Each structure stands twice: as C-alpha cells, then as structure tokens.
C-alpha atoms as a PDB file:
ATOM      1  CA  MET A   1     103.746  78.464  66.199  1.00  0.00           C
ATOM      2  CA  LYS A   2     101.635  76.303  68.190  1.00  0.00           C
ATOM      3  CA  ASN A   3     101.876  78.307  70.926  1.00  0.00           C
ATOM      4  CA  LEU A   4     101.149  81.560  68.657  1.00  0.00           C
ATOM      5  CA  VAL A   5      97.577  79.980  67.560  1.00  0.00           C
ATOM      6  CA  THR A   6      96.663  78.660  71.100  1.00  0.00           C
ATOM      7  CA  ARG A   7      97.599  82.164  72.546  1.00  0.00           C
ATOM      8  CA  ALA A   8      95.835  83.710  69.802  1.00  0.00           C
ATOM      9  CA  LEU A   9      92.602  81.252  69.926  1.00  0.00           C
ATOM     10  CA  SER A  10      92.328  81.647  73.762  1.00  0.00           C
ATOM     11  CA  GLY A  11      92.343  85.893  73.386  1.00  0.00           C
ATOM     12  CA  ALA A  12      89.811  85.601  70.788  1.00  0.00           C
ATOM     13  CA  VAL A  13      87.346  83.542  73.400  1.00  0.00           C
ATOM     14  CA  TYR A  14      87.819  85.715  75.804  1.00  0.00           C
ATOM     15  CA  VAL A  15      87.665  89.157  73.757  1.00  0.00           C
ATOM     16  CA  ALA A  16      84.455  87.812  72.036  1.00  0.00           C
ATOM     17  CA  LEU A  17      82.860  86.687  75.656  1.00  0.00           C
ATOM     18  CA  ILE A  18      83.424  90.260  77.384  1.00  0.00           C
ATOM     19  CA  CYS A  19      82.007  92.150  74.263  1.00  0.00           C
ATOM     20  CA  ALA A  20      79.032  90.080  74.273  1.00  0.00           C
ATOM     21  CA  ALA A  21      78.340  90.105  78.068  1.00  0.00           C
ATOM     22  CA  VAL A  22      78.998  94.184  77.998  1.00  0.00           C
ATOM     23  CA  LEU A  23      76.693  94.478  75.215  1.00  0.00           C
ATOM     24  CA  LEU A  24      73.837  91.840  76.613  1.00  0.00           C
ATOM     25  CA  GLY A  25      74.181  93.510  80.376  1.00  0.00           C
ATOM     26  CA  GLY A  26      71.781  92.291  82.717  1.00  0.00           C
ATOM     27  CA  TRP A  27      72.478  88.580  84.031  1.00  0.00           C
ATOM     28  CA  TRP A  28      74.777  88.100  81.213  1.00  0.00           C
ATOM     29  CA  PHE A  29      77.220  90.877  82.162  1.00  0.00           C
ATOM     30  CA  ILE A  30      76.780  89.610  85.908  1.00  0.00           C
ATOM     31  CA  ALA A  31      77.125  85.828  85.369  1.00  0.00           C
ATOM     32  CA  LEU A  32      80.612  86.396  83.275  1.00  0.00           C
ATOM     33  CA  PHE A  33      82.211  88.531  85.535  1.00  0.00           C
ATOM     34  CA  SER A  34      81.139  86.867  88.709  1.00  0.00           C
ATOM     35  CA  LEU A  35      82.548  83.956  87.015  1.00  0.00           C
ATOM     36  CA  PHE A  36      85.864  85.485  86.591  1.00  0.00           C
ATOM     37  CA  ALA A  37      85.896  87.063  90.133  1.00  0.00           C
ATOM     38  CA  VAL A  38      85.356  83.247  91.227  1.00  0.00           C
ATOM     39  CA  LEU A  39      88.313  81.937  88.991  1.00  0.00           C
ATOM     40  CA  ALA A  40      90.548  84.897  89.893  1.00  0.00           C
ATOM     41  CA  LEU A  41      89.822  84.550  93.842  1.00  0.00           C
ATOM     42  CA  ASN A  42      90.976  80.839  93.552  1.00  0.00           C
ATOM     43  CA  GLU A  43      94.174  81.796  92.092  1.00  0.00           C
ATOM     44  CA  PHE A  44      94.765  84.561  93.906  1.00  0.00           C
ATOM     45  CA  TYR A  45      94.376  82.754  97.150  1.00  0.00           C
ATOM     46  CA  GLY A  46      96.083  79.848  95.468  1.00  0.00           C
ATOM     47  CA  LEU A  47      99.531  82.086  95.191  1.00  0.00           C
ATOM     48  CA  SER A  48      98.940  82.903  99.032  1.00  0.00           C
ATOM     49  CA  ASN A  49      99.933  79.284  99.767  1.00  0.00           C
ATOM     50  CA  GLY A  50     103.402  79.637 101.041  1.00  0.00           C
ATOM     51  CA  PRO A  51     105.614  80.117 103.834  1.00  0.00           C
ATOM     52  CA  GLU A  52     104.333  83.420 104.525  1.00  0.00           C
ATOM     53  CA  GLY A  53     100.709  82.456 105.017  1.00  0.00           C
ATOM     54  CA  GLY A  54      97.787  81.219 103.141  1.00  0.00           C
ATOM     55  CA  GLU A  55      94.034  79.484 102.902  1.00  0.00           C
ATOM     56  CA  ASN A  56      93.151  76.223 104.071  1.00  0.00           C
ATOM     57  CA  THR A  57      90.202  74.797 102.403  1.00  0.00           C
ATOM     58  CA  THR A  58      87.794  75.881 104.881  1.00  0.00           C
ATOM     59  CA  THR A  59      88.507  79.588 104.910  1.00  0.00           C
ATOM     60  CA  LEU A  60      89.501  79.465 100.593  1.00  0.00           C
ATOM     61  CA  ILE A  61      85.825  78.521 100.569  1.00  0.00           C
ATOM     62  CA  ILE A  62      84.504  80.964 102.724  1.00  0.00           C
ATOM     63  CA  ASP A  63      86.756  83.734 100.905  1.00  0.00           C
ATOM     64  CA  VAL A  64      85.744  82.683  97.294  1.00  0.00           C
ATOM     65  CA  VAL A  65      82.043  82.650  98.199  1.00  0.00           C
ATOM     66  CA  GLY A  66      82.128  85.845 100.318  1.00  0.00           C
ATOM     67  CA  GLY A  67      83.838  87.730  97.034  1.00  0.00           C
ATOM     68  CA  LEU A  68      81.189  86.076  94.883  1.00  0.00           C
ATOM     69  CA  VAL A  69      78.241  87.517  97.355  1.00  0.00           C
ATOM     70  CA  LEU A  70      80.204  90.879  96.883  1.00  0.00           C
ATOM     71  CA  THR A  71      80.389  90.735  92.760  1.00  0.00           C
ATOM     72  CA  VAL A  72      76.593  89.477  92.303  1.00  0.00           C
ATOM     73  CA  GLY A  73      75.549  92.201  95.240  1.00  0.00           C
ATOM     74  CA  LEU A  74      76.586  94.741  93.451  1.00  0.00           C
ATOM     75  CA  GLY A  75      76.463  94.067  90.112  1.00  0.00           C
ATOM     76  CA  CYS A  76      72.578  93.471  90.996  1.00  0.00           C
ATOM     77  CA  VAL A  77      72.007  97.061  92.549  1.00  0.00           C
ATOM     78  CA  ASN A  78      73.635  98.869  89.859  1.00  0.00           C
ATOM     79  CA  ILE A  79      71.803  97.133  86.825  1.00  0.00           C
ATOM     80  CA  ASP A  80      68.148  98.692  86.763  1.00  0.00           C
ATOM     81  CA  SER A  81      66.874  96.787  83.980  1.00  0.00           C
ATOM     82  CA  LEU A  82      67.401  93.271  85.997  1.00  0.00           C
ATOM     83  CA  MET A  83      63.942  93.809  87.961  1.00  0.00           C
ATOM     84  CA  PRO A  84      61.579  96.806  89.567  1.00  0.00           C
ATOM     85  CA  PRO A  85      63.071  98.900  92.002  1.00  0.00           C
ATOM     86  CA  LEU A  86      61.704  97.254  95.031  1.00  0.00           C
ATOM     87  CA  ALA A  87      62.797  94.175  94.216  1.00  0.00           C
ATOM     88  CA  ILE A  88      66.276  95.839  93.545  1.00  0.00           C
ATOM     89  CA  ARG A  89      66.463  97.014  96.991  1.00  0.00           C
ATOM     90  CA  LEU A  90      65.610  93.694  98.910  1.00  0.00           C
ATOM     91  CA  LEU A  91      67.907  92.178  97.098  1.00  0.00           C
ATOM     92  CA  GLY A  92      71.039  94.487  97.698  1.00  0.00           C
ATOM     93  CA  GLY A  93      69.846  94.776 101.527  1.00  0.00           C
ATOM     94  CA  THR A  94      70.037  90.516 101.259  1.00  0.00           C
ATOM     95  CA  PHE A  95      73.348  90.678  99.538  1.00  0.00           C
ATOM     96  CA  LEU A  96      74.500  93.291 101.982  1.00  0.00           C
ATOM     97  CA  THR A  97      73.651  91.304 104.882  1.00  0.00           C
ATOM     98  CA  LEU A  98      75.572  87.925 103.425  1.00  0.00           C
ATOM     99  CA  TYR A  99      78.613  89.690 103.039  1.00  0.00           C
ATOM    100  CA  LEU A 100      78.560  91.666 106.739  1.00  0.00           C
ATOM    101  CA  LEU A 101      78.047  87.836 107.722  1.00  0.00           C
ATOM    102  CA  TYR A 102      80.995  86.655 105.603  1.00  0.00           C
ATOM    103  CA  LEU A 103      83.136  89.103 107.244  1.00  0.00           C
ATOM    104  CA  VAL A 104      82.319  87.891 110.623  1.00  0.00           C
ATOM    105  CA  ILE A 105      82.385  84.637 109.759  1.00  0.00           C
ATOM    106  CA  ARG A 106      85.691  84.824 107.858  1.00  0.00           C
ATOM    107  CA  LEU A 107      87.201  86.545 111.396  1.00  0.00           C
ATOM    108  CA  VAL A 108      85.626  83.665 113.805  1.00  0.00           C
ATOM    109  CA  ALA A 109      87.002  81.004 111.196  1.00  0.00           C
ATOM    110  CA  GLN A 110      90.623  82.173 111.757  1.00  0.00           C
ATOM    111  CA  ILE A 111      90.357  81.162 115.604  1.00  0.00           C
ATOM    112  CA  TYR A 112      89.644  77.592 114.713  1.00  0.00           C
ATOM    113  CA  THR A 113      92.450  77.426 112.068  1.00  0.00           C
ATOM    114  CA  ARG A 114      96.111  76.498 113.317  1.00  0.00           C
ATOM    115  CA  GLU A 115      98.192  78.278 110.738  1.00  0.00           C
ATOM    116  CA  GLN A 116     101.567  79.778 112.034  1.00  0.00           C
ATOM    117  CA  SER A 117     100.347  83.465 110.831  1.00  0.00           C
ATOM    118  CA  PRO A 118      96.702  84.118 111.480  1.00  0.00           C
ATOM    119  CA  LEU A 119      97.210  87.902 110.538  1.00  0.00           C
ATOM    120  CA  THR A 120      99.004  87.178 107.378  1.00  0.00           C
ATOM    121  CA  ASN A 121      95.984  84.703 106.576  1.00  0.00           C
ATOM    122  CA  LEU A 122      93.512  87.343 107.156  1.00  0.00           C
ATOM    123  CA  ALA A 123      95.446  90.085 105.296  1.00  0.00           C
ATOM    124  CA  PHE A 124      95.471  88.010 102.048  1.00  0.00           C
ATOM    125  CA  SER A 125      91.610  87.316 102.596  1.00  0.00           C
ATOM    126  CA  TYR A 126      90.658  90.672 102.527  1.00  0.00           C
ATOM    127  CA  MET A 127      93.009  92.046  99.912  1.00  0.00           C
ATOM    128  CA  GLY A 128      91.327  89.648  98.109  1.00  0.00           C
ATOM    129  CA  GLN A 129      88.406  91.202  98.496  1.00  0.00           C
ATOM    130  CA  MET A 130      89.287  94.548  97.900  1.00  0.00           C
ATOM    131  CA  TYR A 131      91.811  93.710  94.833  1.00  0.00           C
ATOM    132  CA  ILE A 132      89.264  91.427  93.178  1.00  0.00           C
ATOM    133  CA  ALA A 133      85.796  91.290  94.079  1.00  0.00           C
ATOM    134  CA  LEU A 134      85.359  94.720  94.957  1.00  0.00           C
ATOM    135  CA  PRO A 135      86.324  96.418  91.311  1.00  0.00           C
ATOM    136  CA  LEU A 136      84.566  93.537  89.524  1.00  0.00           C
ATOM    137  CA  GLY A 137      81.127  94.100  91.379  1.00  0.00           C
ATOM    138  CA  LEU A 138      81.528  98.133  90.683  1.00  0.00           C
ATOM    139  CA  MET A 139      82.269  97.628  87.323  1.00  0.00           C
ATOM    140  CA  ALA A 140      78.145  97.676  87.037  1.00  0.00           C
ATOM    141  CA  MET A 141      77.977 101.461  87.761  1.00  0.00           C
ATOM    142  CA  TYR A 142      78.809 101.805  84.312  1.00  0.00           C
ATOM    143  CA  TYR A 143      75.066 101.103  83.272  1.00  0.00           C
ATOM    144  CA  THR A 144      74.174 104.015  85.431  1.00  0.00           C
ATOM    145  CA  PHE A 145      75.896 106.621  83.001  1.00  0.00           C
ATOM    146  CA  ALA A 146      74.375 107.765  80.004  1.00  0.00           C
ATOM    147  CA  ASP A 147      75.933 105.538  76.924  1.00  0.00           C
ATOM    148  CA  GLY A 148      76.839 103.215  79.700  1.00  0.00           C
ATOM    149  CA  PRO A 149      77.325  99.833  77.909  1.00  0.00           C
ATOM    150  CA  CYS A 150      79.143 101.806  74.808  1.00  0.00           C
ATOM    151  CA  LEU A 151      81.481 103.616  77.787  1.00  0.00           C
ATOM    152  CA  LEU A 152      82.261 100.152  79.061  1.00  0.00           C
ATOM    153  CA  LEU A 153      83.145  98.425  76.216  1.00  0.00           C
ATOM    154  CA  ALA A 154      85.251 101.626  75.317  1.00  0.00           C
ATOM    155  CA  MET A 155      87.432 101.061  78.507  1.00  0.00           C
ATOM    156  CA  PHE A 156      87.953  97.678  77.516  1.00  0.00           C
ATOM    157  CA  ILE A 157      88.924  98.511  74.154  1.00  0.00           C
ATOM    158  CA  MET A 158      91.497 101.599  75.739  1.00  0.00           C
ATOM    159  CA  ILE A 159      92.933  98.858  77.872  1.00  0.00           C
ATOM    160  CA  TRP A 160      93.972  96.062  75.117  1.00  0.00           C
ATOM    161  CA  LEU A 161      94.862  99.012  72.565  1.00  0.00           C
ATOM    162  CA  SER A 162      97.345 100.297  75.663  1.00  0.00           C
ATOM    163  CA  ASP A 163      98.636  97.185  75.784  1.00  0.00           C
ATOM    164  CA  THR A 164      99.327  96.665  72.131  1.00  0.00           C
ATOM    165  CA  GLY A 165     100.795  99.927  71.525  1.00  0.00           C
ATOM    166  CA  ALA A 166     102.969  99.359  74.793  1.00  0.00           C
ATOM    167  CA  TYR A 167     104.085  95.950  73.421  1.00  0.00           C
ATOM    168  CA  LEU A 168     104.842  97.425  69.781  1.00  0.00           C
ATOM    169  CA  VAL A 169     106.533 100.793  70.659  1.00  0.00           C
ATOM    170  CA  GLY A 170     108.497  99.132  73.506  1.00  0.00           C
ATOM    171  CA  SER A 171     109.495  96.292  71.593  1.00  0.00           C
ATOM    172  CA  MET A 172     110.933  98.862  68.807  1.00  0.00           C
ATOM    173  CA  ILE A 173     111.950 101.406  70.561  1.00  0.00           C
ATOM    174  CA  GLY A 174     112.201 100.859  74.627  1.00  0.00           C
ATOM    175  CA  ARG A 175     115.111 101.667  76.120  1.00  0.00           C
ATOM    176  CA  HIS A 176     114.505 103.156  79.632  1.00  0.00           C
ATOM    177  CA  LYS A 177     113.004 100.966  82.237  1.00  0.00           C
ATOM    178  CA  MET A 178     110.187 101.910  84.119  1.00  0.00           C
ATOM    179  CA  ILE A 179     110.194  99.968  87.377  1.00  0.00           C
ATOM    180  CA  PRO A 180     112.801  97.272  86.663  1.00  0.00           C
ATOM    181  CA  ARG A 181     112.889  95.550  90.270  1.00  0.00           C
ATOM    182  CA  VAL A 182     108.719  94.794  89.535  1.00  0.00           C
ATOM    183  CA  SER A 183     108.741  94.652  85.775  1.00  0.00           C
ATOM    184  CA  ARG A 184     111.963  94.288  83.760  1.00  0.00           C
ATOM    185  CA  GLY A 185     109.738  94.530  80.276  1.00  0.00           C
ATOM    186  CA  LYS A 186     108.041  97.652  80.892  1.00  0.00           C
ATOM    187  CA  THR A 187     109.679 100.862  79.460  1.00  0.00           C
ATOM    188  CA  TRP A 188     108.576 104.567  79.533  1.00  0.00           C
ATOM    189  CA  GLU A 189     108.797 104.538  75.726  1.00  0.00           C
ATOM    190  CA  GLY A 190     106.296 101.325  75.474  1.00  0.00           C
ATOM    191  CA  PHE A 191     104.160 103.453  78.328  1.00  0.00           C
ATOM    192  CA  ALA A 192     103.962 106.695  76.227  1.00  0.00           C
ATOM    193  CA  GLY A 193     103.218 104.288  72.950  1.00  0.00           C
ATOM    194  CA  GLY A 194      99.784 102.876  75.185  1.00  0.00           C
ATOM    195  CA  VAL A 195      99.101 106.458  76.073  1.00  0.00           C
ATOM    196  CA  LEU A 196      98.629 107.438  72.152  1.00  0.00           C
ATOM    197  CA  PHE A 197      97.158 103.955  71.383  1.00  0.00           C
ATOM    198  CA  ALA A 198      94.499 104.668  74.058  1.00  0.00           C
ATOM    199  CA  ILE A 199      93.821 108.288  73.773  1.00  0.00           C
ATOM    200  CA  GLY A 200      93.671 107.903  69.707  1.00  0.00           C
ATOM    201  CA  SER A 201      90.824 105.264  70.173  1.00  0.00           C
ATOM    202  CA  ALA A 202      88.712 108.511  71.380  1.00  0.00           C
ATOM    203  CA  PHE A 203      88.630 109.803  68.271  1.00  0.00           C
ATOM    204  CA  VAL A 204      87.738 106.706  66.592  1.00  0.00           C
ATOM    205  CA  PHE A 205      84.790 106.359  68.911  1.00  0.00           C
ATOM    206  CA  LYS A 206      84.056 109.803  68.995  1.00  0.00           C
ATOM    207  CA  TYR A 207      83.758 110.385  65.308  1.00  0.00           C
ATOM    208  CA  CYS A 208      83.175 107.035  63.669  1.00  0.00           C
ATOM    209  CA  PHE A 209      80.489 106.145  66.347  1.00  0.00           C
ATOM    210  CA  PRO A 210      78.999 109.817  67.132  1.00  0.00           C
ATOM    211  CA  CYS A 211      75.510 108.389  67.981  1.00  0.00           C
ATOM    212  CA  TYR A 212      76.749 105.706  70.403  1.00  0.00           C
ATOM    213  CA  TYR A 213      78.892 108.341  72.416  1.00  0.00           C
ATOM    214  CA  SER A 214      76.667 111.336  72.540  1.00  0.00           C
ATOM    215  CA  SER A 215      76.803 111.978  76.120  1.00  0.00           C
ATOM    216  CA  ILE A 216      80.559 112.416  76.746  1.00  0.00           C
ATOM    217  CA  SER A 217      82.660 115.266  74.620  1.00  0.00           C
ATOM    218  CA  LEU A 218      85.888 114.317  72.631  1.00  0.00           C
ATOM    219  CA  VAL A 219      87.897 116.134  75.474  1.00  0.00           C
ATOM    220  CA  ALA A 220      86.414 114.099  78.280  1.00  0.00           C
ATOM    221  CA  LEU A 221      86.807 110.500  76.573  1.00  0.00           C
ATOM    222  CA  CYS A 222      90.564 111.096  75.509  1.00  0.00           C
ATOM    223  CA  GLY A 223      91.309 112.243  79.021  1.00  0.00           C
ATOM    224  CA  MET A 224      89.409 108.710  79.820  1.00  0.00           C
ATOM    225  CA  GLY A 225      91.822 107.390  77.596  1.00  0.00           C
ATOM    226  CA  LEU A 226      94.515 108.690  79.359  1.00  0.00           C
ATOM    227  CA  VAL A 227      93.535 107.460  82.713  1.00  0.00           C
ATOM    228  CA  VAL A 228      93.035 103.931  81.226  1.00  0.00           C
ATOM    229  CA  SER A 229      96.436 103.641  79.885  1.00  0.00           C
ATOM    230  CA  LEU A 230      97.859 105.112  83.229  1.00  0.00           C
ATOM    231  CA  PHE A 231      96.012 102.757  85.507  1.00  0.00           C
ATOM    232  CA  ALA A 232      96.372  99.966  83.290  1.00  0.00           C
ATOM    233  CA  THR A 233      99.899 100.170  83.575  1.00  0.00           C
ATOM    234  CA  TRP A 234      99.879 100.189  87.280  1.00  0.00           C
ATOM    235  CA  GLY A 235      97.525  97.509  87.454  1.00  0.00           C
ATOM    236  CA  ASP A 236     100.067  95.274  85.443  1.00  0.00           C
ATOM    237  CA  LEU A 237     102.667  96.176  87.785  1.00  0.00           C
ATOM    238  CA  VAL A 238     100.674  95.605  90.527  1.00  0.00           C
ATOM    239  CA  GLU A 239     100.131  91.961  89.920  1.00  0.00           C
ATOM    240  CA  SER A 240     103.979  91.536  88.960  1.00  0.00           C
ATOM    241  CA  LEU A 241     104.599  92.864  92.418  1.00  0.00           C
ATOM    242  CA  ILE A 242     102.503  90.296  93.907  1.00  0.00           C
ATOM    243  CA  LYS A 243     103.895  87.479  91.611  1.00  0.00           C
ATOM    244  CA  ARG A 244     107.543  88.569  92.583  1.00  0.00           C
ATOM    245  CA  THR A 245     107.061  88.847  95.856  1.00  0.00           C
ATOM    246  CA  LEU A 246     105.296  85.154  95.570  1.00  0.00           C
ATOM    247  CA  GLY A 247     107.846  83.908  93.598  1.00  0.00           C
ATOM    248  CA  VAL A 248     105.907  82.630  90.545  1.00  0.00           C
ATOM    249  CA  LYS A 249     105.410  83.362  86.991  1.00  0.00           C
ATOM    250  CA  ASP A 250     101.966  83.030  86.204  1.00  0.00           C
ATOM    251  CA  SER A 251      98.545  82.950  88.600  1.00  0.00           C
ATOM    252  CA  GLY A 252      97.506  80.239  87.046  1.00  0.00           C
ATOM    253  CA  SER A 253      97.073  78.043  83.574  1.00  0.00           C
ATOM    254  CA  ILE A 254      93.330  78.287  82.777  1.00  0.00           C
ATOM    255  CA  MET A 255      93.898  80.327  79.472  1.00  0.00           C
ATOM    256  CA  PRO A 256      96.075  78.120  76.841  1.00  0.00           C
ATOM    257  CA  GLY A 257      99.112  81.052  76.545  1.00  0.00           C
ATOM    258  CA  HIS A 258      98.140  83.553  78.933  1.00  0.00           C
ATOM    259  CA  GLY A 259      98.277  82.156  82.234  1.00  0.00           C
ATOM    260  CA  GLY A 260      95.636  82.611  84.805  1.00  0.00           C
ATOM    261  CA  ILE A 261      92.537  84.734  84.390  1.00  0.00           C
ATOM    262  CA  LEU A 262      93.852  87.008  87.036  1.00  0.00           C
ATOM    263  CA  ASP A 263      97.030  87.740  84.283  1.00  0.00           C
ATOM    264  CA  ARG A 264      94.428  88.888  82.158  1.00  0.00           C
ATOM    265  CA  ILE A 265      92.438  90.849  84.216  1.00  0.00           C
ATOM    266  CA  ASP A 266      95.199  92.712  86.055  1.00  0.00           C
ATOM    267  CA  SER A 267      95.367  96.144  84.004  1.00  0.00           C
ATOM    268  CA  LEU A 268      91.099  95.727  84.630  1.00  0.00           C
ATOM    269  CA  LEU A 269      91.023  95.888  88.534  1.00  0.00           C
ATOM    270  CA  LEU A 270      92.600  99.228  88.759  1.00  0.00           C
ATOM    271  CA  VAL A 271      90.930 100.310  85.785  1.00  0.00           C
ATOM    272  CA  ILE A 272      87.699 100.202  87.116  1.00  0.00           C
ATOM    273  CA  PRO A 273      87.758 102.405  90.274  1.00  0.00           C
ATOM    274  CA  ALA A 274      90.024 104.784  88.351  1.00  0.00           C
ATOM    275  CA  SER A 275      87.663 105.276  85.561  1.00  0.00           C
ATOM    276  CA  LEU A 276      84.348 105.501  87.841  1.00  0.00           C
ATOM    277  CA  ILE A 277      85.897 108.286  89.721  1.00  0.00           C
ATOM    278  CA  TYR A 278      86.843 110.263  86.278  1.00  0.00           C
ATOM    279  CA  LEU A 279      83.559 109.520  84.699  1.00  0.00           C
ATOM    280  CA  ILE A 280      81.702 110.506  88.348  1.00  0.00           C
ATOM    281  CA  THR A 281      83.858 113.954  88.543  1.00  0.00           C
ATOM    282  CA  ILE A 282      83.119 114.852  84.883  1.00  0.00           C
ATOM    283  CA  ASN A 283      79.269 114.346  85.364  1.00  0.00           C
ATOM    284  CA  ILE A 284      79.273 116.362  88.406  1.00  0.00           C
ATOM    285  CA  TYR A 285      81.438 119.269  87.978  1.00  0.00           C
ATOM    286  CA  PHE A 286      81.685 119.891  83.876  1.00  0.00           C
END
C-alpha cells in the first residue's frame, strides 16, 4: 500500500510539472525538459557502463553537456516568444557552433581514453544524443503550430491514456504477446485498448474544448491519437530492448515507484518526432 501511494504521488508531481511547463511555455518549458534531458542522459550513459563499453567521468560530462546544448538550442530557436527574432538567430547560431564543437571534442577525447571498445563508447555517446537530446529539443517545434501548446498537452495526455488503456485492457483480456523476447507483458489486446483510449481522447478534446483545437479537424486529431499510441508502444519497447540487452530492470531510481526518468519518458522519445512528422504533413498537404 505504501509503495502504491508513493508511486501515485511521484506520478502526480511528474504530470503536474509537465502540464505547467507546457502551458507556461517559454523558459519554463525549456528548463524542465532540459533537466529531463540531463537526467535521462546521465541514466542512459550510466547503463552503458559495462563489459561491452561505457563512459568514464570525462566523456560522461562531455556527452551530457553536449545533449544539454542540443536540447536548449533547439528549444530556443523554436519558441518565438522568448526574445526578438535577431536574438533568436544569434542564439541559434551560438548553440549550433557549440554543438559542432561538442562533436569534435567528443571524437578527440576518445583518443585519450583507454577503454577496450572505443567504437562502442562512441556509439553509446552518439546514440544518447539522437535517442534522448534530439527529440526533447525538437519538442519545442509544437509551439510553431496554431494551437501548439494545446496540441502538445493533448500529445502527453494521449500517451498517458494509451499507457493506461493498454494496462487495463491487457490485464483483463490480454492473451496474445506482442514481442515476448523484448517485453513479456505487452499484448496485442492491450495495444488495441491503448489505441482506443488515445483515439477516444481526441473526441473529448474536440467536442469539450473546441476553441483550443480549432486549427485541427476531428479526423486529424484521431489520426494523431493513432500515431501517438503506436509510437508510444514502440518507444516503450525500444527502452525495454535496451534494458534487456544491458541486463537491468530500471534505468534509475529518481522517481519512487517508477524507476528512472528514462523509464517515464521512453514512449515520449519516439512519439515526438513521429507526431511532428504527422502534424507537418497534414499542415502541408491537407
């Protein structure tokens, strides 16, 4: 019972922080998700410490700082309300220069380390940038769309509802395993339940809050629910694959009852680029 209460409280704080940051936008949004990027990168690179390769203290600091630069830089150039256009261009150029500097420094730093698997170490380093820092930075692109903050909040709610629906339906009638070698708990019935919950939320958004979603049709919002649910499932499976490969249960312990921050944002990391591609496509062609 105590663990359940702890899990519920930490989950509530997590949800409240995200909702507040999304609706406030600006530096609040950048600050929270930059913090998430730092914590998730630290967990990911911590997981990579093992017989197959890993990070020493120097390369760990370089990689986490590089990911922070990428996340903050992409956030700054995509949120127009932060500062005047000229300042945004100057800041964007500065962050781009710093990130290019990171790419060079990281390669040079590997020459002076004595790990037995230098290519494996570099692969872990650059995977962390692509897998964690890049999506979290790109998330700020939501603010370039009409009704952007509301669409971003809808994306998070769809992820949470998809996860809830998959758990409830899978627990009740789940029989057919999706990919048991990666995750023994996920079933096709649960996946279908998650999709229905996510698509169902589109009707709630459109009919209960029409003024906040006037820029997108109900059909397009339902399509977004499908995309979010599908890639949220894949995102969860990707992290399960990583943890199973590295022989760990959780990415960390920073969130009581939930594990690490990477365990909480694993679905988000694939949903962000997929949902952005979807929204950009419907804005251009429909």
